[in-house]
PDB file of all heavy atoms in Angstrom:
ATOM      1  N   THR A   1       0.999   5.999 -15.605  1.00  0.00           N
ATOM      2  CA  THR A   1       0.505   6.179 -14.241  1.00  0.00           C
ATOM      3  C   THR A   1      -0.912   5.625 -14.182  1.00  0.00           C
ATOM      4  O   THR A   1      -1.777   6.059 -14.929  1.00  0.00           O
ATOM      5  CB  THR A   1       0.521   7.667 -13.834  1.00  0.00           C
ATOM      6  OG1 THR A   1       1.876   8.119 -13.858  1.00  0.00           O
ATOM      7  CG2 THR A   1      -0.039   7.862 -12.440  1.00  0.00           C
ATOM      8  N   TYR A   2      -1.116   4.640 -13.311  1.00  0.00           N
ATOM      9  CA  TYR A   2      -2.442   4.068 -13.127  1.00  0.00           C
ATOM     10  C   TYR A   2      -3.205   4.906 -12.105  1.00  0.00           C
ATOM     11  O   TYR A   2      -2.641   5.330 -11.092  1.00  0.00           O
ATOM     12  CB  TYR A   2      -2.367   2.643 -12.580  1.00  0.00           C
ATOM     13  CG  TYR A   2      -1.733   1.617 -13.485  1.00  0.00           C
ATOM     14  CD1 TYR A   2      -1.395   0.367 -12.985  1.00  0.00           C
ATOM     15  CD2 TYR A   2      -1.464   1.859 -14.827  1.00  0.00           C
ATOM     16  CE1 TYR A   2      -0.825  -0.607 -13.784  1.00  0.00           C
ATOM     17  CE2 TYR A   2      -0.898   0.894 -15.633  1.00  0.00           C
ATOM     18  CZ  TYR A   2      -0.570  -0.341 -15.110  1.00  0.00           C
ATOM     19  OH  TYR A   2      -0.012  -1.298 -15.913  1.00  0.00           O
ATOM     20  N   VAL A   3      -4.481   5.107 -12.353  1.00  0.00           N
ATOM     21  CA  VAL A   3      -5.368   5.753 -11.392  1.00  0.00           C
ATOM     22  C   VAL A   3      -6.570   4.830 -11.254  1.00  0.00           C
ATOM     23  O   VAL A   3      -7.289   4.597 -12.225  1.00  0.00           O
ATOM     24  CB  VAL A   3      -5.806   7.156 -11.867  1.00  0.00           C
ATOM     25  CG1 VAL A   3      -6.784   7.779 -10.874  1.00  0.00           C
ATOM     26  CG2 VAL A   3      -4.598   8.055 -12.071  1.00  0.00           C
ATOM     27  N   CYS A   4      -6.754   4.280 -10.060  1.00  0.00           N
ATOM     28  CA  CYS A   4      -7.872   3.352  -9.877  1.00  0.00           C
ATOM     29  C   CYS A   4      -8.473   3.513  -8.483  1.00  0.00           C
ATOM     30  O   CYS A   4      -7.809   3.929  -7.547  1.00  0.00           O
ATOM     31  CB  CYS A   4      -7.439   1.918 -10.117  1.00  0.00           C
ATOM     32  SG  CYS A   4      -6.229   1.323  -8.950  1.00  0.00           S
ATOM     33  N   MET A   5      -9.758   3.184  -8.399  1.00  0.00           N
ATOM     34  CA  MET A   5     -10.512   3.344  -7.171  1.00  0.00           C
ATOM     35  C   MET A   5     -10.694   2.005  -6.476  1.00  0.00           C
ATOM     36  O   MET A   5     -10.967   1.005  -7.131  1.00  0.00           O
ATOM     37  CB  MET A   5     -11.885   3.924  -7.498  1.00  0.00           C
ATOM     38  CG  MET A   5     -12.651   4.267  -6.258  1.00  0.00           C
ATOM     39  SD  MET A   5     -14.409   3.883  -6.244  1.00  0.00           S
ATOM     40  CE  MET A   5     -14.552   2.189  -6.639  1.00  0.00           C
ATOM     41  N   TRP A   6     -10.534   2.028  -5.163  1.00  0.00           N
ATOM     42  CA  TRP A   6     -10.805   0.853  -4.336  1.00  0.00           C
ATOM     43  C   TRP A   6     -11.625   1.285  -3.139  1.00  0.00           C
ATOM     44  O   TRP A   6     -11.425   2.351  -2.586  1.00  0.00           O
ATOM     45  CB  TRP A   6      -9.520   0.233  -3.781  1.00  0.00           C
ATOM     46  CG  TRP A   6      -8.561  -0.278  -4.794  1.00  0.00           C
ATOM     47  CD1 TRP A   6      -8.845  -0.758  -6.040  1.00  0.00           C
ATOM     48  CD2 TRP A   6      -7.153  -0.358  -4.653  1.00  0.00           C
ATOM     49  NE1 TRP A   6      -7.697  -1.135  -6.669  1.00  0.00           N
ATOM     50  CE2 TRP A   6      -6.646  -0.903  -5.848  1.00  0.00           C
ATOM     51  CE3 TRP A   6      -6.273  -0.024  -3.640  1.00  0.00           C
ATOM     52  CZ2 TRP A   6      -5.289  -1.132  -6.047  1.00  0.00           C
ATOM     53  CZ3 TRP A   6      -4.931  -0.252  -3.839  1.00  0.00           C
ATOM     54  CH2 TRP A   6      -4.447  -0.799  -5.029  1.00  0.00           C
ATOM     55  N   SER A   7     -12.557   0.426  -2.719  1.00  0.00           N
ATOM     56  CA  SER A   7     -13.227   0.647  -1.440  1.00  0.00           C
ATOM     57  C   SER A   7     -13.649  -0.680  -0.817  1.00  0.00           C
ATOM     58  O   SER A   7     -14.507  -0.718   0.040  1.00  0.00           O
ATOM     59  CB  SER A   7     -14.441   1.575  -1.598  1.00  0.00           C
ATOM     60  OG  SER A   7     -15.475   0.953  -2.315  1.00  0.00           O
ATOM     61  N   HIS A   8     -13.030  -1.757  -1.260  1.00  0.00           N
ATOM     62  CA  HIS A   8     -13.388  -3.067  -0.729  1.00  0.00           C
ATOM     63  C   HIS A   8     -12.977  -3.229   0.721  1.00  0.00           C
ATOM     64  O   HIS A   8     -11.875  -2.863   1.112  1.00  0.00           O
ATOM     65  CB  HIS A   8     -12.710  -4.186  -1.534  1.00  0.00           C
ATOM     66  CG  HIS A   8     -13.419  -4.505  -2.793  1.00  0.00           C
ATOM     67  ND1 HIS A   8     -12.901  -4.222  -4.023  1.00  0.00           N
ATOM     68  CD2 HIS A   8     -14.629  -5.051  -3.016  1.00  0.00           C
ATOM     69  CE1 HIS A   8     -13.741  -4.591  -4.965  1.00  0.00           C
ATOM     70  NE2 HIS A   8     -14.808  -5.092  -4.379  1.00  0.00           N
ATOM     71  N   GLY A   9     -13.889  -3.787   1.481  1.00  0.00           N
ATOM     72  CA  GLY A   9     -13.594  -4.268   2.816  1.00  0.00           C
ATOM     73  C   GLY A   9     -13.739  -5.780   2.767  1.00  0.00           C
ATOM     74  O   GLY A   9     -13.927  -6.362   1.691  1.00  0.00           O
ATOM     75  N   ARG A  10     -13.712  -6.421   3.889  1.00  0.00           N
ATOM     76  CA  ARG A  10     -13.825  -7.883   3.903  1.00  0.00           C
ATOM     77  C   ARG A  10     -15.178  -8.342   3.347  1.00  0.00           C
ATOM     78  O   ARG A  10     -15.234  -9.211   2.492  1.00  0.00           O
ATOM     79  CB  ARG A  10     -13.638  -8.419   5.317  1.00  0.00           C
ATOM     80  CG  ARG A  10     -13.755  -9.935   5.386  1.00  0.00           C
ATOM     81  CD  ARG A  10     -13.354 -10.508   6.722  1.00  0.00           C
ATOM     82  NE  ARG A  10     -11.964 -10.353   7.080  1.00  0.00           N
ATOM     83  CZ  ARG A  10     -10.945 -11.039   6.543  1.00  0.00           C
ATOM     84  NH1 ARG A  10     -11.166 -11.902   5.588  1.00  0.00           N
ATOM     85  NH2 ARG A  10      -9.714 -10.847   6.951  1.00  0.00           N
ATOM     86  N   ASP A  11     -16.270  -7.749   3.831  1.00  0.00           N
ATOM     87  CA  ASP A  11     -17.597  -8.201   3.421  1.00  0.00           C
ATOM     88  C   ASP A  11     -18.433  -7.127   2.738  1.00  0.00           C
ATOM     89  O   ASP A  11     -19.520  -7.419   2.253  1.00  0.00           O
ATOM     90  CB  ASP A  11     -18.367  -8.712   4.653  1.00  0.00           C
ATOM     91  CG  ASP A  11     -17.673  -9.907   5.294  1.00  0.00           C
ATOM     92  OD1 ASP A  11     -17.188 -10.773   4.552  1.00  0.00           O
ATOM     93  OD2 ASP A  11     -17.606  -9.940   6.535  1.00  0.00           O
ATOM     94  N   ALA A  12     -17.976  -5.895   2.750  1.00  0.00           N
ATOM     95  CA  ALA A  12     -18.752  -4.795   2.175  1.00  0.00           C
ATOM     96  C   ALA A  12     -17.811  -3.667   1.792  1.00  0.00           C
ATOM     97  O   ALA A  12     -16.622  -3.700   2.108  1.00  0.00           O
ATOM     98  CB  ALA A  12     -19.775  -4.293   3.202  1.00  0.00           C
ATOM     99  N   ARG A  13     -18.371  -2.686   1.132  1.00  0.00           N
ATOM    100  CA  ARG A  13     -17.564  -1.507   0.803  1.00  0.00           C
ATOM    101  C   ARG A  13     -17.056  -0.865   2.087  1.00  0.00           C
ATOM    102  O   ARG A  13     -17.720  -0.883   3.109  1.00  0.00           O
ATOM    103  CB  ARG A  13     -18.395  -0.482   0.039  1.00  0.00           C
ATOM    104  CG  ARG A  13     -18.769  -0.914  -1.343  1.00  0.00           C
ATOM    105  CD  ARG A  13     -19.592   0.181  -1.973  1.00  0.00           C
ATOM    106  NE  ARG A  13     -19.993  -0.181  -3.318  1.00  0.00           N
ATOM    107  CZ  ARG A  13     -20.658   0.642  -4.120  1.00  0.00           C
ATOM    108  NH1 ARG A  13     -21.005   1.843  -3.706  1.00  0.00           N
ATOM    109  NH2 ARG A  13     -20.985   0.268  -5.330  1.00  0.00           N
ATOM    110  N   LYS A  14     -15.886  -0.262   1.956  1.00  0.00           N
ATOM    111  CA  LYS A  14     -15.269   0.390   3.096  1.00  0.00           C
ATOM    112  C   LYS A  14     -15.102   1.864   2.742  1.00  0.00           C
ATOM    113  O   LYS A  14     -16.002   2.433   2.138  1.00  0.00           O
ATOM    114  CB  LYS A  14     -13.915  -0.274   3.363  1.00  0.00           C
ATOM    115  CG  LYS A  14     -13.483  -0.278   4.773  1.00  0.00           C
ATOM    116  CD  LYS A  14     -12.237  -1.143   4.927  1.00  0.00           C
ATOM    117  CE  LYS A  14     -11.636  -0.952   6.281  1.00  0.00           C
ATOM    118  NZ  LYS A  14     -10.467  -1.753   6.464  1.00  0.00           N
ATOM    119  N   HIS A  15     -13.984   2.466   3.034  1.00  0.00           N
ATOM    120  CA  HIS A  15     -13.724   3.877   2.715  1.00  0.00           C
ATOM    121  C   HIS A  15     -13.132   3.979   1.302  1.00  0.00           C
ATOM    122  O   HIS A  15     -12.319   3.160   0.905  1.00  0.00           O
ATOM    123  CB  HIS A  15     -12.752   4.463   3.740  1.00  0.00           C
ATOM    124  CG  HIS A  15     -12.489   5.917   3.568  1.00  0.00           C
ATOM    125  ND1 HIS A  15     -13.454   6.868   3.833  1.00  0.00           N
ATOM    126  CD2 HIS A  15     -11.399   6.581   3.151  1.00  0.00           C
ATOM    127  CE1 HIS A  15     -12.942   8.066   3.594  1.00  0.00           C
ATOM    128  NE2 HIS A  15     -11.696   7.919   3.182  1.00  0.00           N
ATOM    129  N   LEU A  16     -13.539   4.989   0.556  1.00  0.00           N
ATOM    130  CA  LEU A  16     -13.062   5.218  -0.807  1.00  0.00           C
ATOM    131  C   LEU A  16     -11.585   5.606  -0.809  1.00  0.00           C
ATOM    132  O   LEU A  16     -11.168   6.501  -0.079  1.00  0.00           O
ATOM    133  CB  LEU A  16     -13.887   6.342  -1.449  1.00  0.00           C
ATOM    134  CG  LEU A  16     -13.507   6.761  -2.857  1.00  0.00           C
ATOM    135  CD1 LEU A  16     -13.791   5.642  -3.842  1.00  0.00           C
ATOM    136  CD2 LEU A  16     -14.267   8.017  -3.246  1.00  0.00           C
ATOM    137  N   HIS A  17     -10.804   4.909  -1.629  1.00  0.00           N
ATOM    138  CA  HIS A  17      -9.390   5.218  -1.844  1.00  0.00           C
ATOM    139  C   HIS A  17      -9.137   5.207  -3.343  1.00  0.00           C
ATOM    140  O   HIS A  17      -9.598   4.300  -4.041  1.00  0.00           O
ATOM    141  CB  HIS A  17      -8.475   4.163  -1.215  1.00  0.00           C
ATOM    142  CG  HIS A  17      -8.541   4.120   0.266  1.00  0.00           C
ATOM    143  ND1 HIS A  17      -9.436   3.321   0.934  1.00  0.00           N
ATOM    144  CD2 HIS A  17      -7.834   4.782   1.202  1.00  0.00           C
ATOM    145  CE1 HIS A  17      -9.262   3.501   2.229  1.00  0.00           C
ATOM    146  NE2 HIS A  17      -8.301   4.382   2.419  1.00  0.00           N
ATOM    147  N   ILE A  18      -8.395   6.187  -3.826  1.00  0.00           N
ATOM    148  CA  ILE A  18      -8.014   6.218  -5.231  1.00  0.00           C
ATOM    149  C   ILE A  18      -6.499   6.177  -5.281  1.00  0.00           C
ATOM    150  O   ILE A  18      -5.817   7.072  -4.765  1.00  0.00           O
ATOM    151  CB  ILE A  18      -8.559   7.471  -5.939  1.00  0.00           C
ATOM    152  CG1 ILE A  18     -10.090   7.484  -5.821  1.00  0.00           C
ATOM    153  CG2 ILE A  18      -8.119   7.488  -7.401  1.00  0.00           C
ATOM    154  CD1 ILE A  18     -10.733   8.772  -6.271  1.00  0.00           C
ATOM    155  N   ALA A  19      -5.968   5.109  -5.870  1.00  0.00           N
ATOM    156  CA  ALA A  19      -4.524   4.924  -5.962  1.00  0.00           C
ATOM    157  C   ALA A  19      -4.006   5.598  -7.230  1.00  0.00           C
ATOM    158  O   ALA A  19      -4.576   5.431  -8.308  1.00  0.00           O
ATOM    159  CB  ALA A  19      -4.184   3.438  -5.996  1.00  0.00           C
ATOM    160  N   VAL A  20      -2.948   6.373  -7.083  1.00  0.00           N
ATOM    161  CA  VAL A  20      -2.250   6.992  -8.208  1.00  0.00           C
ATOM    162  C   VAL A  20      -0.867   6.346  -8.205  1.00  0.00           C
ATOM    163  O   VAL A  20      -0.016   6.674  -7.373  1.00  0.00           O
ATOM    164  CB  VAL A  20      -2.188   8.526  -8.057  1.00  0.00           C
ATOM    165  CG1 VAL A  20      -1.476   9.154  -9.245  1.00  0.00           C
ATOM    166  CG2 VAL A  20      -3.601   9.105  -7.901  1.00  0.00           C
ATOM    167  N   GLN A  21      -0.687   5.384  -9.119  1.00  0.00           N
ATOM    168  CA  GLN A  21       0.446   4.471  -9.064  1.00  0.00           C
ATOM    169  C   GLN A  21       1.320   4.578 -10.307  1.00  0.00           C
ATOM    170  O   GLN A  21       0.871   4.280 -11.410  1.00  0.00           O
ATOM    171  CB  GLN A  21      -0.077   3.037  -8.925  1.00  0.00           C
ATOM    172  CG  GLN A  21       0.996   1.985  -8.897  1.00  0.00           C
ATOM    173  CD  GLN A  21       0.411   0.586  -8.870  1.00  0.00           C
ATOM    174  OE1 GLN A  21      -0.724   0.368  -9.258  1.00  0.00           O
ATOM    175  NE2 GLN A  21       1.195  -0.357  -8.410  1.00  0.00           N
ATOM    176  N   PRO A  22       2.591   4.966 -10.125  1.00  0.00           N
ATOM    177  CA  PRO A  22       3.495   4.994 -11.267  1.00  0.00           C
ATOM    178  C   PRO A  22       3.928   3.580 -11.634  1.00  0.00           C
ATOM    179  O   PRO A  22       4.171   2.757 -10.750  1.00  0.00           O
ATOM    180  CB  PRO A  22       4.681   5.813 -10.759  1.00  0.00           C
ATOM    181  CG  PRO A  22       4.702   5.547  -9.293  1.00  0.00           C
ATOM    182  CD  PRO A  22       3.262   5.381  -8.893  1.00  0.00           C
ATOM    183  N   VAL A  23       3.989   3.310 -12.915  1.00  0.00           N
ATOM    184  CA  VAL A  23       4.451   2.008 -13.378  1.00  0.00           C
ATOM    185  C   VAL A  23       5.682   2.241 -14.250  1.00  0.00           C
ATOM    186  O   VAL A  23       5.584   2.833 -15.328  1.00  0.00           O
ATOM    187  CB  VAL A  23       3.354   1.260 -14.152  1.00  0.00           C
ATOM    188  CG1 VAL A  23       3.883  -0.068 -14.680  1.00  0.00           C
ATOM    189  CG2 VAL A  23       2.143   1.035 -13.265  1.00  0.00           C
ATOM    190  N   THR A  24       6.809   1.780 -13.744  1.00  0.00           N
ATOM    191  CA  THR A  24       8.069   1.932 -14.458  1.00  0.00           C
ATOM    192  C   THR A  24       8.480   0.599 -15.072  1.00  0.00           C
ATOM    193  O   THR A  24       7.940  -0.458 -14.709  1.00  0.00           O
ATOM    194  CB  THR A  24       9.180   2.395 -13.496  1.00  0.00           C
ATOM    195  OG1 THR A  24       9.349   1.379 -12.490  1.00  0.00           O
ATOM    196  CG2 THR A  24       8.840   3.728 -12.835  1.00  0.00           C
ATOM    197  N   ALA A  25       9.443   0.645 -15.968  1.00  0.00           N
ATOM    198  CA  ALA A  25       9.974  -0.585 -16.562  1.00  0.00           C
ATOM    199  C   ALA A  25      10.542  -1.485 -15.465  1.00  0.00           C
ATOM    200  O   ALA A  25      10.393  -2.709 -15.519  1.00  0.00           O
ATOM    201  CB  ALA A  25      11.040  -0.242 -17.601  1.00  0.00           C
ATOM    202  N   GLU A  26      11.157  -0.876 -14.448  1.00  0.00           N
ATOM    203  CA  GLU A  26      11.730  -1.647 -13.346  1.00  0.00           C
ATOM    204  C   GLU A  26      10.645  -2.413 -12.577  1.00  0.00           C
ATOM    205  O   GLU A  26      10.808  -3.586 -12.251  1.00  0.00           O
ATOM    206  CB  GLU A  26      12.480  -0.720 -12.402  1.00  0.00           C
ATOM    207  CG  GLU A  26      13.054  -1.428 -11.195  1.00  0.00           C
ATOM    208  CD  GLU A  26      13.656  -0.458 -10.180  1.00  0.00           C
ATOM    209  OE1 GLU A  26      13.991   0.680 -10.540  1.00  0.00           O
ATOM    210  OE2 GLU A  26      13.777  -0.873  -9.019  1.00  0.00           O
ATOM    211  N   VAL A  27       9.519  -1.750 -12.289  1.00  0.00           N
ATOM    212  CA  VAL A  27       8.418  -2.414 -11.576  1.00  0.00           C
ATOM    213  C   VAL A  27       7.867  -3.560 -12.413  1.00  0.00           C
ATOM    214  O   VAL A  27       7.648  -4.663 -11.910  1.00  0.00           O
ATOM    215  CB  VAL A  27       7.305  -1.399 -11.221  1.00  0.00           C
ATOM    216  CG1 VAL A  27       6.042  -2.107 -10.746  1.00  0.00           C
ATOM    217  CG2 VAL A  27       7.794  -0.425 -10.164  1.00  0.00           C
ATOM    218  N   ARG A  28       7.659  -3.314 -13.702  1.00  0.00           N
ATOM    219  CA  ARG A  28       7.126  -4.379 -14.571  1.00  0.00           C
ATOM    220  C   ARG A  28       8.104  -5.542 -14.663  1.00  0.00           C
ATOM    221  O   ARG A  28       7.709  -6.701 -14.580  1.00  0.00           O
ATOM    222  CB  ARG A  28       6.796  -3.832 -15.954  1.00  0.00           C
ATOM    223  CG  ARG A  28       5.539  -2.990 -15.962  1.00  0.00           C
ATOM    224  CD  ARG A  28       5.014  -2.627 -17.348  1.00  0.00           C
ATOM    225  NE  ARG A  28       6.018  -2.381 -18.367  1.00  0.00           N
ATOM    226  CZ  ARG A  28       6.448  -3.283 -19.273  1.00  0.00           C
ATOM    227  NH1 ARG A  28       5.961  -4.497 -19.282  1.00  0.00           N
ATOM    228  NH2 ARG A  28       7.351  -2.961 -20.161  1.00  0.00           N
ATOM    229  N   ALA A  29       9.400  -5.253 -14.808  1.00  0.00           N
ATOM    230  CA  ALA A  29      10.403  -6.314 -14.912  1.00  0.00           C
ATOM    231  C   ALA A  29      10.451  -7.148 -13.634  1.00  0.00           C
ATOM    232  O   ALA A  29      10.558  -8.377 -13.689  1.00  0.00           O
ATOM    233  CB  ALA A  29      11.776  -5.719 -15.209  1.00  0.00           C
ATOM    234  N   ARG A  30      10.356  -6.482 -12.497  1.00  0.00           N
ATOM    235  CA  ARG A  30      10.399  -7.176 -11.204  1.00  0.00           C
ATOM    236  C   ARG A  30       9.202  -8.108 -11.027  1.00  0.00           C
ATOM    237  O   ARG A  30       9.243  -9.053 -10.248  1.00  0.00           O
ATOM    238  CB  ARG A  30      10.446  -6.135 -10.082  1.00  0.00           C
ATOM    239  CG  ARG A  30      10.868  -6.696  -8.753  1.00  0.00           C
ATOM    240  CD  ARG A  30      11.192  -5.630  -7.707  1.00  0.00           C
ATOM    241  NE  ARG A  30      10.130  -4.672  -7.505  1.00  0.00           N
ATOM    242  CZ  ARG A  30      10.257  -3.348  -7.692  1.00  0.00           C
ATOM    243  NH1 ARG A  30      11.391  -2.837  -8.110  1.00  0.00           N
ATOM    244  NH2 ARG A  30       9.254  -2.544  -7.467  1.00  0.00           N
ATOM    245  N   HIS A  31       8.131  -7.848 -11.786  1.00  0.00           N
ATOM    246  CA  HIS A  31       6.913  -8.654 -11.662  1.00  0.00           C
ATOM    247  C   HIS A  31       6.567  -9.348 -12.970  1.00  0.00           C
ATOM    248  O   HIS A  31       5.401  -9.455 -13.356  1.00  0.00           O
ATOM    249  CB  HIS A  31       5.765  -7.769 -11.167  1.00  0.00           C
ATOM    250  CG  HIS A  31       6.012  -7.243  -9.800  1.00  0.00           C
ATOM    251  ND1 HIS A  31       6.624  -6.037  -9.560  1.00  0.00           N
ATOM    252  CD2 HIS A  31       5.779  -7.781  -8.580  1.00  0.00           C
ATOM    253  CE1 HIS A  31       6.752  -5.854  -8.268  1.00  0.00           C
ATOM    254  NE2 HIS A  31       6.246  -6.889  -7.647  1.00  0.00           N
ATOM    255  N   GLY A  32       7.580  -9.809 -13.672  1.00  0.00           N
ATOM    256  CA  GLY A  32       7.388 -10.660 -14.835  1.00  0.00           C
ATOM    257  C   GLY A  32       6.774  -9.976 -16.048  1.00  0.00           C
ATOM    258  O   GLY A  32       6.179 -10.650 -16.884  1.00  0.00           O
ATOM    259  N   GLY A  33       6.888  -8.665 -16.152  1.00  0.00           N
ATOM    260  CA  GLY A  33       6.363  -7.959 -17.318  1.00  0.00           C
ATOM    261  C   GLY A  33       4.862  -7.740 -17.300  1.00  0.00           C
ATOM    262  O   GLY A  33       4.289  -7.286 -18.294  1.00  0.00           O
ATOM    263  N   LEU A  34       4.225  -8.034 -16.179  1.00  0.00           N
ATOM    264  CA  LEU A  34       2.774  -7.863 -16.089  1.00  0.00           C
ATOM    265  C   LEU A  34       2.381  -6.404 -16.228  1.00  0.00           C
ATOM    266  O   LEU A  34       3.175  -5.500 -15.980  1.00  0.00           O
ATOM    267  CB  LEU A  34       2.261  -8.403 -14.752  1.00  0.00           C
ATOM    268  CG  LEU A  34       2.393  -9.905 -14.545  1.00  0.00           C
ATOM    269  CD1 LEU A  34       1.988 -10.274 -13.120  1.00  0.00           C
ATOM    270  CD2 LEU A  34       1.563 -10.671 -15.564  1.00  0.00           C
ATOM    271  N   ARG A  35       1.112  -6.203 -16.606  1.00  0.00           N
ATOM    272  CA  ARG A  35       0.544  -4.861 -16.729  1.00  0.00           C
ATOM    273  C   ARG A  35      -0.846  -4.857 -16.092  1.00  0.00           C
ATOM    274  O   ARG A  35      -1.408  -5.890 -15.780  1.00  0.00           O
ATOM    275  CB  ARG A  35       0.397  -4.480 -18.204  1.00  0.00           C
ATOM    276  CG  ARG A  35       1.680  -4.194 -18.921  1.00  0.00           C
ATOM    277  CD  ARG A  35       1.386  -3.812 -20.381  1.00  0.00           C
ATOM    278  NE  ARG A  35       2.481  -3.143 -21.034  1.00  0.00           N
ATOM    279  CZ  ARG A  35       3.553  -3.752 -21.508  1.00  0.00           C
ATOM    280  NH1 ARG A  35       3.694  -5.043 -21.363  1.00  0.00           N
ATOM    281  NH2 ARG A  35       4.509  -3.061 -22.101  1.00  0.00           N
ATOM    282  N   SER A  36      -1.371  -3.652 -15.936  1.00  0.00           N
ATOM    283  CA  SER A  36      -2.752  -3.417 -15.504  1.00  0.00           C
ATOM    284  C   SER A  36      -3.063  -4.100 -14.186  1.00  0.00           C
ATOM    285  O   SER A  36      -2.240  -4.152 -13.295  1.00  0.00           O
ATOM    286  CB  SER A  36      -3.734  -3.830 -16.605  1.00  0.00           C
ATOM    287  OG  SER A  36      -3.452  -3.112 -17.785  1.00  0.00           O
ATOM    288  N   GLU A  37      -4.293  -4.627 -14.096  1.00  0.00           N
ATOM    289  CA  GLU A  37      -4.739  -5.207 -12.823  1.00  0.00           C
ATOM    290  C   GLU A  37      -3.913  -6.413 -12.409  1.00  0.00           C
ATOM    291  O   GLU A  37      -3.760  -6.693 -11.221  1.00  0.00           O
ATOM    292  CB  GLU A  37      -6.237  -5.554 -12.873  1.00  0.00           C
ATOM    293  CG  GLU A  37      -6.614  -6.664 -13.803  1.00  0.00           C
ATOM    294  CD  GLU A  37      -6.754  -6.250 -15.272  1.00  0.00           C
ATOM    295  OE1 GLU A  37      -6.649  -5.061 -15.598  1.00  0.00           O
ATOM    296  OE2 GLU A  37      -6.981  -7.150 -16.095  1.00  0.00           O
ATOM    297  N   GLN A  38      -3.340  -7.134 -13.370  1.00  0.00           N
ATOM    298  CA  GLN A  38      -2.490  -8.271 -13.008  1.00  0.00           C
ATOM    299  C   GLN A  38      -1.228  -7.790 -12.292  1.00  0.00           C
ATOM    300  O   GLN A  38      -0.788  -8.392 -11.312  1.00  0.00           O
ATOM    301  CB  GLN A  38      -2.127  -9.086 -14.247  1.00  0.00           C
ATOM    302  CG  GLN A  38      -3.326  -9.775 -14.863  1.00  0.00           C
ATOM    303  CD  GLN A  38      -2.970 -10.438 -16.179  1.00  0.00           C
ATOM    304  OE1 GLN A  38      -1.983 -10.096 -16.818  1.00  0.00           O
ATOM    305  NE2 GLN A  38      -3.790 -11.402 -16.585  1.00  0.00           N
ATOM    306  N   LEU A  39      -0.662  -6.700 -12.774  1.00  0.00           N
ATOM    307  CA  LEU A  39       0.512  -6.127 -12.123  1.00  0.00           C
ATOM    308  C   LEU A  39       0.159  -5.639 -10.720  1.00  0.00           C
ATOM    309  O   LEU A  39       0.864  -5.928  -9.751  1.00  0.00           O
ATOM    310  CB  LEU A  39       1.083  -4.976 -12.946  1.00  0.00           C
ATOM    311  CG  LEU A  39       2.234  -4.202 -12.299  1.00  0.00           C
ATOM    312  CD1 LEU A  39       3.434  -5.107 -12.037  1.00  0.00           C
ATOM    313  CD2 LEU A  39       2.623  -3.013 -13.162  1.00  0.00           C
ATOM    314  N   GLN A  40      -0.951  -4.908 -10.598  1.00  0.00           N
ATOM    315  CA  GLN A  40      -1.350  -4.414  -9.279  1.00  0.00           C
ATOM    316  C   GLN A  40      -1.574  -5.562  -8.301  1.00  0.00           C
ATOM    317  O   GLN A  40      -1.156  -5.484  -7.152  1.00  0.00           O
ATOM    318  CB  GLN A  40      -2.601  -3.558  -9.395  1.00  0.00           C
ATOM    319  CG  GLN A  40      -2.323  -2.226 -10.046  1.00  0.00           C
ATOM    320  CD  GLN A  40      -3.559  -1.366 -10.113  1.00  0.00           C
ATOM    321  OE1 GLN A  40      -4.623  -1.815 -10.529  1.00  0.00           O
ATOM    322  NE2 GLN A  40      -3.420  -0.126  -9.702  1.00  0.00           N
ATOM    323  N   ALA A  41      -2.225  -6.617  -8.751  1.00  0.00           N
ATOM    324  CA  ALA A  41      -2.471  -7.767  -7.873  1.00  0.00           C
ATOM    325  C   ALA A  41      -1.163  -8.405  -7.426  1.00  0.00           C
ATOM    326  O   ALA A  41      -0.991  -8.747  -6.253  1.00  0.00           O
ATOM    327  CB  ALA A  41      -3.353  -8.791  -8.589  1.00  0.00           C
ATOM    328  N   ARG A  42      -0.214  -8.539  -8.338  1.00  0.00           N
ATOM    329  CA  ARG A  42       1.079  -9.142  -7.990  1.00  0.00           C
ATOM    330  C   ARG A  42       1.849  -8.255  -7.015  1.00  0.00           C
ATOM    331  O   ARG A  42       2.425  -8.752  -6.051  1.00  0.00           O
ATOM    332  CB  ARG A  42       1.896  -9.367  -9.262  1.00  0.00           C
ATOM    333  CG  ARG A  42       3.279  -9.957  -9.062  1.00  0.00           C
ATOM    334  CD  ARG A  42       3.307 -11.425  -8.657  1.00  0.00           C
ATOM    335  NE  ARG A  42       2.612 -12.292  -9.576  1.00  0.00           N
ATOM    336  CZ  ARG A  42       3.130 -12.812 -10.693  1.00  0.00           C
ATOM    337  NH1 ARG A  42       4.375 -12.552 -11.029  1.00  0.00           N
ATOM    338  NH2 ARG A  42       2.403 -13.602 -11.459  1.00  0.00           N
ATOM    339  N   VAL A  43       1.845  -6.962  -7.254  1.00  0.00           N
ATOM    340  CA  VAL A  43       2.552  -6.042  -6.356  1.00  0.00           C
ATOM    341  C   VAL A  43       1.963  -6.149  -4.947  1.00  0.00           C
ATOM    342  O   VAL A  43       2.695  -6.234  -3.954  1.00  0.00           O
ATOM    343  CB  VAL A  43       2.483  -4.589  -6.879  1.00  0.00           C
ATOM    344  CG1 VAL A  43       2.948  -3.604  -5.817  1.00  0.00           C
ATOM    345  CG2 VAL A  43       3.320  -4.436  -8.138  1.00  0.00           C
ATOM    346  N   LEU A  44       0.642  -6.158  -4.849  1.00  0.00           N
ATOM    347  CA  LEU A  44      -0.002  -6.266  -3.534  1.00  0.00           C
ATOM    348  C   LEU A  44       0.271  -7.614  -2.883  1.00  0.00           C
ATOM    349  O   LEU A  44       0.520  -7.697  -1.683  1.00  0.00           O
ATOM    350  CB  LEU A  44      -1.509  -6.043  -3.666  1.00  0.00           C
ATOM    351  CG  LEU A  44      -1.939  -4.612  -3.905  1.00  0.00           C
ATOM    352  CD1 LEU A  44      -3.422  -4.554  -4.255  1.00  0.00           C
ATOM    353  CD2 LEU A  44      -1.636  -3.745  -2.705  1.00  0.00           C
ATOM    354  N   ALA A  45       0.221  -8.690  -3.678  1.00  0.00           N
ATOM    355  CA  ALA A  45       0.424 -10.034  -3.142  1.00  0.00           C
ATOM    356  C   ALA A  45       1.847 -10.225  -2.640  1.00  0.00           C
ATOM    357  O   ALA A  45       2.078 -10.964  -1.680  1.00  0.00           O
ATOM    358  CB  ALA A  45       0.090 -11.081  -4.200  1.00  0.00           C
ATOM    359  N   ASP A  46       2.806  -9.566  -3.280  1.00  0.00           N
ATOM    360  CA  ASP A  46       4.198  -9.707  -2.860  1.00  0.00           C
ATOM    361  C   ASP A  46       4.419  -9.173  -1.455  1.00  0.00           C
ATOM    362  O   ASP A  46       5.282  -9.650  -0.732  1.00  0.00           O
ATOM    363  CB  ASP A  46       5.141  -8.997  -3.832  1.00  0.00           C
ATOM    364  CG  ASP A  46       5.332  -9.786  -5.118  1.00  0.00           C
ATOM    365  OD1 ASP A  46       4.865 -10.927  -5.196  1.00  0.00           O
ATOM    366  OD2 ASP A  46       5.951  -9.220  -6.047  1.00  0.00           O
TER     367      ASP A  46
END
């Protein structure tokens, strides 16, 4: 389970959000076996 903080806006910090994200074998397989921030970026980009 990933726990990470985000508060990015377009040009400055925005509101604080902390994502609690489960990572299963199915999620990793669907995104080419990626892990960590690369996996999160791919999931968001999709």
